[in-house]
C-alpha atoms as a PDB file:
ATOM      1  CA  MET A   1     -15.379   3.173  35.774  1.00  0.00           C
ATOM      2  CA  VAL A   2     -15.850   1.255  39.023  1.00  0.00           C
ATOM      3  CA  LEU A   3     -12.335   2.019  40.271  1.00  0.00           C
ATOM      4  CA  SER A   4     -12.614   5.722  39.455  1.00  0.00           C
ATOM      5  CA  LEU A   5     -16.046   5.902  41.094  1.00  0.00           C
ATOM      6  CA  VAL A   6     -14.836   4.201  44.284  1.00  0.00           C
ATOM      7  CA  SER A   7     -11.707   6.377  44.490  1.00  0.00           C
ATOM      8  CA  THR A   8     -13.705   9.560  43.970  1.00  0.00           C
ATOM      9  CA  MET A   9     -16.281   8.649  46.603  1.00  0.00           C
ATOM     10  CA  LEU A  10     -13.605   7.708  49.135  1.00  0.00           C
ATOM     11  CA  LEU A  11     -12.117  11.183  48.793  1.00  0.00           C
ATOM     12  CA  LEU A  12     -15.554  12.792  49.036  1.00  0.00           C
ATOM     13  CA  GLY A  13     -16.301  10.806  52.188  1.00  0.00           C
ATOM     14  CA  LEU A  14     -13.107  12.069  53.797  1.00  0.00           C
ATOM     15  CA  VAL A  15     -14.117  15.685  53.180  1.00  0.00           C
ATOM     16  CA  LEU A  16     -17.725  15.154  54.249  1.00  0.00           C
ATOM     17  CA  GLY A  17     -16.777  13.450  57.496  1.00  0.00           C
ATOM     18  CA  PHE A  18     -14.494  16.359  58.342  1.00  0.00           C
ATOM     19  CA  ILE A  19     -17.109  19.075  57.804  1.00  0.00           C
ATOM     20  CA  GLY A  20     -20.011  17.088  59.291  1.00  0.00           C
ATOM     21  CA  ALA A  21     -22.091  16.777  56.127  1.00  0.00           C
ATOM     22  CA  GLY A  22     -24.137  13.955  54.666  1.00  0.00           C
ATOM     23  CA  GLY A  23     -22.876  14.969  51.263  1.00  0.00           C
ATOM     24  CA  SER A  24     -25.735  13.848  49.058  1.00  0.00           C
ATOM     25  CA  GLY A  25     -25.598  17.159  47.177  1.00  0.00           C
ATOM     26  CA  PHE A  26     -21.924  16.661  46.410  1.00  0.00           C
ATOM     27  CA  ILE A  27     -22.513  13.010  45.517  1.00  0.00           C
ATOM     28  CA  ILE A  28     -25.380  13.967  43.197  1.00  0.00           C
ATOM     29  CA  ALA A  29     -23.211  16.585  41.493  1.00  0.00           C
ATOM     30  CA  VAL A  30     -20.420  14.085  40.856  1.00  0.00           C
ATOM     31  CA  LEU A  31     -22.723  11.279  39.703  1.00  0.00           C
ATOM     32  CA  VAL A  32     -24.658  13.507  37.292  1.00  0.00           C
ATOM     33  CA  THR A  33     -21.775  15.546  35.888  1.00  0.00           C
ATOM     34  CA  ILE A  34     -18.826  13.144  35.877  1.00  0.00           C
ATOM     35  CA  PHE A  35     -20.484   9.716  35.661  1.00  0.00           C
ATOM     36  CA  ASP A  36     -23.530  10.750  33.584  1.00  0.00           C
ATOM     37  CA  ILE A  37     -26.178   9.347  35.953  1.00  0.00           C
ATOM     38  CA  PRO A  38     -29.762  10.732  35.525  1.00  0.00           C
ATOM     39  CA  ILE A  39     -30.693  13.274  38.219  1.00  0.00           C
ATOM     40  CA  HIS A  40     -33.592  11.256  39.684  1.00  0.00           C
ATOM     41  CA  THR A  41     -31.445   8.101  39.895  1.00  0.00           C
ATOM     42  CA  ALA A  42     -28.579  10.091  41.396  1.00  0.00           C
ATOM     43  CA  ILE A  43     -30.891  11.454  44.101  1.00  0.00           C
ATOM     44  CA  GLY A  44     -32.469   8.037  44.693  1.00  0.00           C
ATOM     45  CA  THR A  45     -29.001   6.559  45.210  1.00  0.00           C
ATOM     46  CA  ALA A  46     -27.304   9.436  47.036  1.00  0.00           C
ATOM     47  CA  VAL A  47     -29.894   9.739  49.810  1.00  0.00           C
ATOM     48  CA  PRO A  48     -29.595   6.095  50.992  1.00  0.00           C
ATOM     49  CA  VAL A  49     -25.805   6.427  50.718  1.00  0.00           C
ATOM     50  CA  MET A  50     -26.029   9.516  52.912  1.00  0.00           C
ATOM     51  CA  PHE A  51     -27.722   7.457  55.630  1.00  0.00           C
ATOM     52  CA  PHE A  52     -24.776   5.060  55.973  1.00  0.00           C
ATOM     53  CA  SER A  53     -22.224   7.828  55.525  1.00  0.00           C
ATOM     54  CA  VAL A  54     -23.612   9.931  58.383  1.00  0.00           C
ATOM     55  CA  LEU A  55     -24.128   6.828  60.523  1.00  0.00           C
ATOM     56  CA  THR A  56     -20.408   6.070  60.572  1.00  0.00           C
ATOM     57  CA  GLY A  57     -19.511   9.754  60.715  1.00  0.00           C
ATOM     58  CA  SER A  58     -21.812  10.289  63.716  1.00  0.00           C
ATOM     59  CA  LEU A  59     -20.228   7.385  65.569  1.00  0.00           C
ATOM     60  CA  SER A  60     -16.816   8.922  65.080  1.00  0.00           C
ATOM     61  CA  HIS A  61     -18.062  12.380  66.130  1.00  0.00           C
ATOM     62  CA  PHE A  62     -19.687  10.848  69.234  1.00  0.00           C
ATOM     63  CA  ARG A  63     -16.382   9.288  70.257  1.00  0.00           C
ATOM     64  CA  GLU A  64     -14.650  12.604  69.656  1.00  0.00           C
ATOM     65  CA  GLY A  65     -17.213  14.466  71.825  1.00  0.00           C
ATOM     66  CA  ASN A  66     -18.457  16.609  68.928  1.00  0.00           C
ATOM     67  CA  LEU A  67     -22.246  16.151  69.181  1.00  0.00           C
ATOM     68  CA  MET A  68     -25.300  16.691  71.399  1.00  0.00           C
ATOM     69  CA  LEU A  69     -27.092  13.337  71.464  1.00  0.00           C
ATOM     70  CA  LYS A  70     -30.625  14.048  72.779  1.00  0.00           C
ATOM     71  CA  GLN A  71     -31.014  17.353  70.957  1.00  0.00           C
ATOM     72  CA  GLY A  72     -29.765  15.895  67.674  1.00  0.00           C
ATOM     73  CA  LEU A  73     -32.160  12.950  67.841  1.00  0.00           C
ATOM     74  CA  LEU A  74     -35.135  15.215  68.591  1.00  0.00           C
ATOM     75  CA  VAL A  75     -34.414  17.532  65.655  1.00  0.00           C
ATOM     76  CA  GLY A  76     -33.692  14.538  63.448  1.00  0.00           C
ATOM     77  CA  GLY A  77     -36.995  12.867  64.323  1.00  0.00           C
ATOM     78  CA  PHE A  78     -38.979  15.815  63.018  1.00  0.00           C
ATOM     79  CA  GLY A  79     -36.588  16.045  60.087  1.00  0.00           C
ATOM     80  CA  GLY A  80     -37.348  12.466  59.088  1.00  0.00           C
ATOM     81  CA  LEU A  81     -41.031  13.275  58.715  1.00  0.00           C
ATOM     82  CA  GLY A  82     -40.291  16.313  56.559  1.00  0.00           C
ATOM     83  CA  ALA A  83     -37.804  14.342  54.442  1.00  0.00           C
ATOM     84  CA  TYR A  84     -40.289  11.593  53.634  1.00  0.00           C
ATOM     85  CA  ILE A  85     -42.896  14.128  52.512  1.00  0.00           C
ATOM     86  CA  GLY A  86     -40.296  15.958  50.415  1.00  0.00           C
ATOM     87  CA  MET A  87     -39.002  12.816  48.743  1.00  0.00           C
ATOM     88  CA  ARG A  88     -42.494  11.784  47.689  1.00  0.00           C
ATOM     89  CA  LEU A  89     -42.884  15.224  46.078  1.00  0.00           C
ATOM     90  CA  THR A  90     -39.662  14.821  44.052  1.00  0.00           C
ATOM     91  CA  ILE A  91     -41.227  12.402  41.575  1.00  0.00           C
ATOM     92  CA  LEU A  92     -43.557  15.204  40.432  1.00  0.00           C
ATOM     93  CA  LEU A  93     -40.713  17.549  39.457  1.00  0.00           C
ATOM     94  CA  ASN A  94     -39.208  17.943  35.984  1.00  0.00           C
ATOM     95  CA  PRO A  95     -35.525  16.785  35.937  1.00  0.00           C
ATOM     96  CA  ASN A  96     -34.185  20.160  34.741  1.00  0.00           C
ATOM     97  CA  PHE A  97     -36.268  22.063  37.268  1.00  0.00           C
ATOM     98  CA  LEU A  98     -35.166  19.659  40.006  1.00  0.00           C
ATOM     99  CA  MET A  99     -31.517  20.133  39.081  1.00  0.00           C
ATOM    100  CA  PHE A 100     -31.941  23.915  39.063  1.00  0.00           C
ATOM    101  CA  CYS A 101     -33.542  23.822  42.529  1.00  0.00           C
ATOM    102  CA  THR A 102     -30.794  21.569  43.863  1.00  0.00           C
ATOM    103  CA  VAL A 103     -28.139  23.949  42.532  1.00  0.00           C
ATOM    104  CA  SER A 104     -29.929  26.910  44.112  1.00  0.00           C
ATOM    105  CA  MET A 105     -30.240  25.204  47.508  1.00  0.00           C
ATOM    106  CA  LEU A 106     -26.580  24.208  47.532  1.00  0.00           C
ATOM    107  CA  MET A 107     -25.420  27.701  46.581  1.00  0.00           C
ATOM    108  CA  LEU A 108     -27.700  29.342  49.143  1.00  0.00           C
ATOM    109  CA  SER A 109     -26.591  27.027  51.924  1.00  0.00           C
ATOM    110  CA  GLY A 110     -22.930  27.890  51.335  1.00  0.00           C
ATOM    111  CA  ILE A 111     -23.638  31.623  51.353  1.00  0.00           C
ATOM    112  CA  LEU A 112     -25.741  31.445  54.526  1.00  0.00           C
ATOM    113  CA  ILE A 113     -23.209  29.429  56.487  1.00  0.00           C
ATOM    114  CA  TRP A 114     -20.462  31.858  55.421  1.00  0.00           C
ATOM    115  CA  VAL A 115     -22.456  34.846  56.679  1.00  0.00           C
ATOM    116  CA  LYS A 116     -23.306  33.189  59.988  1.00  0.00           C
ATOM    117  CA  THR A 117     -19.812  31.871  60.745  1.00  0.00           C
ATOM    118  CA  LYS A 118     -17.958  35.014  59.679  1.00  0.00           C
ATOM    119  CA  MET A 119     -17.837  36.330  63.219  1.00  0.00           C
ATOM    120  CA  THR A 120     -18.280  33.103  65.192  1.00  0.00           C
ATOM    121  CA  LEU A 121     -14.972  31.304  65.001  1.00  0.00           C
ATOM    122  CA  HIS A 122     -14.588  31.296  68.812  1.00  0.00           C
ATOM    123  CA  GLU A 123     -16.064  28.884  71.334  1.00  0.00           C
ATOM    124  CA  LYS A 124     -19.092  30.164  73.278  1.00  0.00           C
ATOM    125  CA  ASP A 125     -19.791  29.811  76.988  1.00  0.00           C
ATOM    126  CA  THR A 126     -23.531  30.529  76.824  1.00  0.00           C
ATOM    127  CA  VAL A 127     -26.084  27.714  76.885  1.00  0.00           C
ATOM    128  CA  VAL A 128     -29.333  28.082  74.942  1.00  0.00           C
ATOM    129  CA  THR A 129     -32.435  25.984  75.713  1.00  0.00           C
ATOM    130  CA  PRO A 130     -34.624  25.998  72.579  1.00  0.00           C
ATOM    131  CA  SER A 131     -38.388  25.538  72.793  1.00  0.00           C
ATOM    132  CA  PHE A 132     -40.160  22.425  71.526  1.00  0.00           C
ATOM    133  CA  LEU A 133     -41.463  24.426  68.555  1.00  0.00           C
ATOM    134  CA  THR A 134     -37.883  25.334  67.657  1.00  0.00           C
ATOM    135  CA  TYR A 135     -36.916  21.671  67.553  1.00  0.00           C
ATOM    136  CA  ALA A 136     -39.993  20.886  65.421  1.00  0.00           C
ATOM    137  CA  GLY A 137     -39.528  23.841  63.056  1.00  0.00           C
ATOM    138  CA  VAL A 138     -35.824  23.248  62.496  1.00  0.00           C
ATOM    139  CA  GLY A 139     -36.375  19.522  61.942  1.00  0.00           C
ATOM    140  CA  LEU A 140     -39.397  19.706  59.642  1.00  0.00           C
ATOM    141  CA  GLY A 141     -38.041  22.589  57.570  1.00  0.00           C
ATOM    142  CA  ASN A 142     -34.634  21.073  56.975  1.00  0.00           C
ATOM    143  CA  GLY A 143     -36.121  17.632  56.385  1.00  0.00           C
ATOM    144  CA  LEU A 144     -38.444  18.987  53.706  1.00  0.00           C
ATOM    145  CA  ILE A 145     -35.527  20.689  51.935  1.00  0.00           C
ATOM    146  CA  SER A 146     -33.455  17.530  52.120  1.00  0.00           C
ATOM    147  CA  GLY A 147     -36.148  15.191  50.844  1.00  0.00           C
ATOM    148  CA  THR A 148     -37.429  17.400  48.039  1.00  0.00           C
ATOM    149  CA  PHE A 149     -34.114  18.451  46.537  1.00  0.00           C
ATOM    150  CA  GLY A 150     -32.048  15.369  47.409  1.00  0.00           C
ATOM    151  CA  ILE A 151     -29.456  17.216  49.474  1.00  0.00           C
ATOM    152  CA  GLY A 152     -28.521  16.444  53.061  1.00  0.00           C
ATOM    153  CA  ALA A 153     -29.276  20.063  54.008  1.00  0.00           C
ATOM    154  CA  ALA A 154     -26.193  19.859  56.224  1.00  0.00           C
ATOM    155  CA  ASN A 155     -25.367  23.548  55.961  1.00  0.00           C
ATOM    156  CA  PHE A 156     -28.975  24.559  56.611  1.00  0.00           C
ATOM    157  CA  ILE A 157     -28.958  22.342  59.693  1.00  0.00           C
ATOM    158  CA  GLN A 158     -25.569  23.677  60.785  1.00  0.00           C
ATOM    159  CA  LEU A 159     -26.844  27.216  60.319  1.00  0.00           C
ATOM    160  CA  SER A 160     -29.922  26.411  62.412  1.00  0.00           C
ATOM    161  CA  LEU A 161     -27.805  24.933  65.202  1.00  0.00           C
ATOM    162  CA  LEU A 162     -25.463  27.918  65.158  1.00  0.00           C
ATOM    163  CA  LYS A 163     -28.282  30.473  65.173  1.00  0.00           C
ATOM    164  CA  TRP A 164     -31.071  29.009  67.324  1.00  0.00           C
ATOM    165  CA  PHE A 165     -29.098  26.555  69.479  1.00  0.00           C
ATOM    166  CA  ASP A 166     -25.948  28.695  69.819  1.00  0.00           C
ATOM    167  CA  TYR A 167     -23.636  25.702  69.305  1.00  0.00           C
ATOM    168  CA  PRO A 168     -19.921  26.166  68.554  1.00  0.00           C
ATOM    169  CA  MET A 169     -18.965  25.150  65.003  1.00  0.00           C
ATOM    170  CA  ARG A 170     -17.350  21.917  66.169  1.00  0.00           C
ATOM    171  CA  ILE A 171     -20.533  20.805  67.965  1.00  0.00           C
ATOM    172  CA  ALA A 172     -22.751  22.058  65.111  1.00  0.00           C
ATOM    173  CA  ALA A 173     -20.767  19.969  62.612  1.00  0.00           C
ATOM    174  CA  GLY A 174     -20.945  16.803  64.698  1.00  0.00           C
ATOM    175  CA  THR A 175     -24.592  17.154  65.748  1.00  0.00           C
ATOM    176  CA  THR A 176     -25.616  17.820  62.147  1.00  0.00           C
ATOM    177  CA  MET A 177     -24.461  14.346  61.165  1.00  0.00           C
ATOM    178  CA  LEU A 178     -26.669  12.855  63.881  1.00  0.00           C
ATOM    179  CA  VAL A 179     -29.663  14.934  62.744  1.00  0.00           C
ATOM    180  CA  ILE A 180     -29.233  13.721  59.171  1.00  0.00           C
ATOM    181  CA  ILE A 181     -29.508  10.021  60.160  1.00  0.00           C
ATOM    182  CA  PRO A 182     -33.336   9.910  60.499  1.00  0.00           C
ATOM    183  CA  ILE A 183     -33.719  12.438  57.679  1.00  0.00           C
ATOM    184  CA  ALA A 184     -31.752  10.190  55.343  1.00  0.00           C
ATOM    185  CA  MET A 185     -33.515   7.057  56.575  1.00  0.00           C
ATOM    186  CA  PHE A 186     -37.040   8.317  55.863  1.00  0.00           C
ATOM    187  CA  ALA A 187     -35.977   9.973  52.606  1.00  0.00           C
ATOM    188  CA  SER A 188     -34.461   6.626  51.555  1.00  0.00           C
ATOM    189  CA  VAL A 189     -37.808   4.910  52.054  1.00  0.00           C
ATOM    190  CA  GLY A 190     -39.395   7.546  49.834  1.00  0.00           C
ATOM    191  CA  SER A 191     -36.720   7.176  47.143  1.00  0.00           C
ATOM    192  CA  ILE A 192     -37.187   3.397  47.006  1.00  0.00           C
ATOM    193  CA  GLN A 193     -40.944   3.847  46.715  1.00  0.00           C
ATOM    194  CA  ASN A 194     -40.334   6.319  43.887  1.00  0.00           C
ATOM    195  CA  GLY A 195     -38.421   3.616  41.980  1.00  0.00           C
ATOM    196  CA  TYR A 196     -35.169   5.561  41.586  1.00  0.00           C
ATOM    197  CA  PHE A 197     -32.880   3.287  43.619  1.00  0.00           C
ATOM    198  CA  ASP A 198     -29.910   1.599  41.864  1.00  0.00           C
ATOM    199  CA  LEU A 199     -28.562  -1.200  44.096  1.00  0.00           C
ATOM    200  CA  MET A 200     -25.139  -1.710  42.457  1.00  0.00           C
ATOM    201  CA  LEU A 201     -24.451   2.002  42.244  1.00  0.00           C
ATOM    202  CA  PHE A 202     -25.528   2.336  45.858  1.00  0.00           C
ATOM    203  CA  LEU A 203     -23.111  -0.367  47.064  1.00  0.00           C
ATOM    204  CA  GLN A 204     -20.139   1.135  45.249  1.00  0.00           C
ATOM    205  CA  VAL A 205     -20.791   4.652  46.528  1.00  0.00           C
ATOM    206  CA  ALA A 206     -21.883   3.673  50.051  1.00  0.00           C
ATOM    207  CA  VAL A 207     -18.861   1.592  51.051  1.00  0.00           C
ATOM    208  CA  SER A 208     -16.408   4.204  49.783  1.00  0.00           C
ATOM    209  CA  THR A 209     -18.054   7.201  51.458  1.00  0.00           C
ATOM    210  CA  MET A 210     -18.570   5.334  54.759  1.00  0.00           C
ATOM    211  CA  ILE A 211     -14.859   4.620  55.073  1.00  0.00           C
ATOM    212  CA  GLY A 212     -13.901   8.153  54.099  1.00  0.00           C
ATOM    213  CA  SER A 213     -16.515   9.739  56.381  1.00  0.00           C
ATOM    214  CA  TYR A 214     -15.357   7.798  59.441  1.00  0.00           C
ATOM    215  CA  LEU A 215     -11.735   8.832  58.891  1.00  0.00           C
ATOM    216  CA  GLY A 216     -12.627  12.431  58.053  1.00  0.00           C
ATOM    217  CA  ALA A 217     -14.629  12.928  61.255  1.00  0.00           C
ATOM    218  CA  LYS A 218     -11.459  12.365  63.274  1.00  0.00           C
ATOM    219  CA  LEU A 219      -9.983  15.543  61.783  1.00  0.00           C
ATOM    220  CA  THR A 220     -12.834  17.872  62.845  1.00  0.00           C
ATOM    221  CA  GLY A 221     -11.571  18.602  66.335  1.00  0.00           C
ATOM    222  CA  ARG A 222      -7.902  18.535  65.361  1.00  0.00           C
ATOM    223  CA  LEU A 223      -7.630  21.014  62.493  1.00  0.00           C
ATOM    224  CA  PRO A 224      -7.995  24.809  62.940  1.00  0.00           C
ATOM    225  CA  LYS A 225     -11.547  26.229  62.941  1.00  0.00           C
ATOM    226  CA  PRO A 226     -10.932  28.476  59.889  1.00  0.00           C
ATOM    227  CA  ILE A 227     -10.231  25.340  57.845  1.00  0.00           C
ATOM    228  CA  LEU A 228     -13.479  23.785  59.074  1.00  0.00           C
ATOM    229  CA  ARG A 229     -15.340  26.961  58.123  1.00  0.00           C
ATOM    230  CA  VAL A 230     -13.844  26.955  54.622  1.00  0.00           C
ATOM    231  CA  GLY A 231     -14.911  23.344  54.197  1.00  0.00           C
ATOM    232  CA  MET A 232     -18.457  23.970  55.447  1.00  0.00           C
ATOM    233  CA  VAL A 233     -18.879  26.929  53.095  1.00  0.00           C
ATOM    234  CA  GLY A 234     -16.958  25.693  50.069  1.00  0.00           C
ATOM    235  CA  THR A 235     -18.390  22.182  49.740  1.00  0.00           C
ATOM    236  CA  PRO A 236     -21.995  23.099  48.784  1.00  0.00           C
ATOM    237  CA  ILE A 237     -20.858  25.946  46.533  1.00  0.00           C
ATOM    238  CA  LEU A 238     -18.450  23.638  44.694  1.00  0.00           C
ATOM    239  CA  SER A 239     -21.258  21.077  44.370  1.00  0.00           C
ATOM    240  CA  ALA A 240     -23.515  23.715  42.828  1.00  0.00           C
ATOM    241  CA  VAL A 241     -20.808  24.780  40.372  1.00  0.00           C
ATOM    242  CA  VAL A 242     -20.276  21.172  39.293  1.00  0.00           C
ATOM    243  CA  LEU A 243     -24.015  20.707  38.698  1.00  0.00           C
ATOM    244  CA  LEU A 244     -24.146  23.962  36.739  1.00  0.00           C
ATOM    245  CA  LEU A 245     -21.826  22.418  34.177  1.00  0.00           C
ATOM    246  CA  ASN A 246     -24.785  20.307  33.046  1.00  0.00           C
ATOM    247  CA  PHE A 247     -26.537  23.449  31.787  1.00  0.00           C
ATOM    248  CA  MET A 248     -23.588  24.486  29.604  1.00  0.00           C
END
């Protein structure tokens, strides 16, 4: 089981690094459906894993020139606060209801990013300067979604950066990974306090996804934008479909 888990997570990390996602939703789907891990434990493990995954992915994106440093840290700071609050709320939710909500959020995020990126495959020359309230609203809202439902909210963050910050997809993908760092860090604290953290499972998943994420981030600026768009849209939808198998 260990070898299959490590191999699967290495492949997932490669995909997640490429599309600029923390991938906790995808990780949760695989752990629950394929490896039969309880949903609360899967969330409690996936969120800390997401922190290390996006940390290495962000470093690679920074070197590739794919992220906005100051803006990403500001949004992420507010996101961390929202994530901690959301994670502390998770313990109150019924496992089946929590799984249903996670499926819904993943499916919705894929649909929204598809709609927004349908006509925005080109690079933009305009520069948008968001207000402080925009930074706070985007951060808190996405952090709350991430913490409560155990997903990285990568596509919601990417959608926010595309819509309210007017970033090109390449920059939105890279900056999203930076934003997720504080979100994942504060959500991890909440998950440990909730008592749903499995150390051995965490180590196996974390090392594999970190390696894959670092390598995958190098492909973001090199492959065609339509491929990046397909990855951004398809990953959360596929995650939702995998989780839905648990209801059948």
